[in-house]
Protein backbone atom coordinates (compact mmCIF):
# COMPACT_ATOMS: atom_id res chain seq x y z
CA MET A 1 0.00 0.00 0.00
CA ASP A 2 1.19 3.50 -0.71
CA PHE A 3 -0.80 5.11 2.13
CA ASP A 4 -0.97 4.78 5.90
CA PRO A 5 -4.21 3.33 7.35
CA THR A 6 -3.32 4.23 10.95
CA THR A 7 -6.81 5.62 11.52
CA ASN A 8 -8.31 2.11 11.29
CA LYS A 9 -10.86 1.68 14.09
CA LEU A 10 -10.82 -2.14 13.70
CA GLY A 11 -7.14 -3.03 14.06
CA ASN A 12 -4.60 -3.81 11.36
CA HIS A 13 -4.35 -7.59 11.30
CA VAL A 14 -5.90 -10.66 9.67
CA LYS A 15 -8.95 -11.86 11.55
CA THR A 16 -10.88 -15.14 11.65
CA GLY A 17 -14.45 -14.76 10.43
CA GLY A 18 -17.51 -15.61 12.49
CA GLY A 19 -18.47 -18.38 10.07
CA ARG A 20 -15.20 -20.15 10.77
CA ILE A 21 -15.50 -19.62 14.51
CA ARG A 22 -19.00 -21.16 14.43
CA GLY A 23 -17.74 -24.08 12.30
CA GLU A 24 -19.81 -23.09 9.25
CA CYS A 25 -16.79 -22.65 6.94
CA TYR A 26 -13.57 -24.51 6.27
CA ILE A 27 -11.67 -21.23 5.78
CA GLN A 28 -12.81 -17.70 6.55
CA ASN A 29 -10.30 -14.90 7.14
CA TYR A 30 -10.51 -11.20 6.46
CA ILE A 31 -8.89 -7.81 6.75
CA SER A 32 -10.97 -4.71 7.29
CA TYR A 33 -10.78 -0.96 7.67
CA LYS A 34 -13.24 1.47 9.22
CA ASN A 35 -12.78 5.22 9.54
CA GLN A 36 -14.33 7.74 11.96
CA GLN A 37 -17.16 8.51 9.50
CA GLY A 38 -18.29 4.86 9.65
CA GLN A 39 -17.12 3.96 6.16
CA LYS A 40 -15.97 0.34 6.14
CA VAL A 41 -14.33 -1.99 3.63
CA GLU A 42 -13.44 -5.65 4.10
CA LEU A 43 -11.62 -8.26 2.02
CA LEU A 44 -12.74 -11.76 3.00
CA LEU A 45 -11.40 -15.12 1.83
CA GLU A 46 -13.82 -17.99 2.30
CA GLN A 47 -14.00 -21.67 1.49
CA LYS A 48 -17.25 -23.27 2.65
CA THR A 49 -15.99 -26.87 2.58
CA PHE A 50 -12.71 -28.64 1.84
CA GLU A 51 -14.01 -29.49 -1.64
CA SER A 52 -15.50 -26.11 -2.54
CA GLU A 53 -13.76 -23.27 -4.34
CA LEU A 54 -11.93 -20.58 -2.37
CA MET A 55 -13.75 -17.29 -2.93
CA ALA A 56 -12.93 -13.66 -2.21
CA TYR A 57 -15.50 -11.05 -1.22
CA VAL A 58 -15.24 -7.30 -0.91
CA TYR A 59 -17.73 -5.80 1.54
CA ASP A 60 -18.16 -2.04 1.20
CA ARG A 61 -20.28 0.22 3.41
CA SER A 62 -20.00 3.81 2.23
CA SER A 63 -21.49 5.37 5.36
CA LYS A 64 -22.54 4.37 8.86
CA GLY A 65 -26.19 3.72 7.95
CA ALA A 66 -25.71 2.52 4.37
CA GLU A 67 -26.37 -0.98 3.14
CA VAL A 68 -23.34 -3.17 2.56
CA SER A 69 -22.36 -3.79 -1.05
CA ILE A 70 -20.90 -7.28 -1.57
CA THR A 71 -18.83 -8.18 -4.62
CA SER A 72 -17.68 -11.78 -5.05
CA TYR A 73 -14.62 -13.07 -6.90
CA THR A 74 -13.36 -16.55 -7.72
CA PHE A 75 -9.86 -17.46 -6.63
CA ALA A 76 -8.71 -16.92 -10.24
CA GLU A 77 -9.91 -13.31 -9.84
CA ILE A 78 -8.11 -12.70 -6.53
CA ASP A 79 -5.98 -9.90 -8.00
CA GLU A 80 -9.15 -8.07 -9.05
CA ALA A 81 -10.54 -8.48 -5.53
CA LYS A 82 -7.35 -7.03 -4.01
CA GLN A 83 -7.43 -4.10 -6.45
CA HIS A 84 -11.09 -3.44 -5.61
CA TYR A 85 -10.35 -3.52 -1.87
CA ASN A 86 -7.33 -1.23 -2.26
CA ARG A 87 -9.29 1.32 -4.36
CA VAL A 88 -12.00 1.61 -1.73
CA LEU A 89 -9.47 1.56 1.11
CA GLN A 90 -7.54 4.41 -0.49
CA CYS A 91 -10.74 6.46 -0.78
CA TYR A 92 -11.77 5.86 2.84
CA CYS A 93 -8.26 6.49 4.22
CA ASP A 94 -8.12 9.79 2.34
CA LYS A 95 -11.32 11.00 4.05
CA ASN A 96 -9.76 11.12 7.51
């Protein structure tokens, strides 16, 4: 990244998703960012079962009360998912 997300209200580390904690997914990890205005973006990697495809999801909430936009990507599209996440992250980091 070419910017500093030190204003992240959620912590700067990879987290285990609730689906994995509850045993509903084989793999579920994510990174997320939330600023003071309530804008939030998340990049989640999820594999429902050992046999299923690993998927990437970008969750984007543009304001505190807004609905979450979810965009899904196959593992072959992981670079597109990372680019999407970084574009939104850059926008939300710049608003602080």
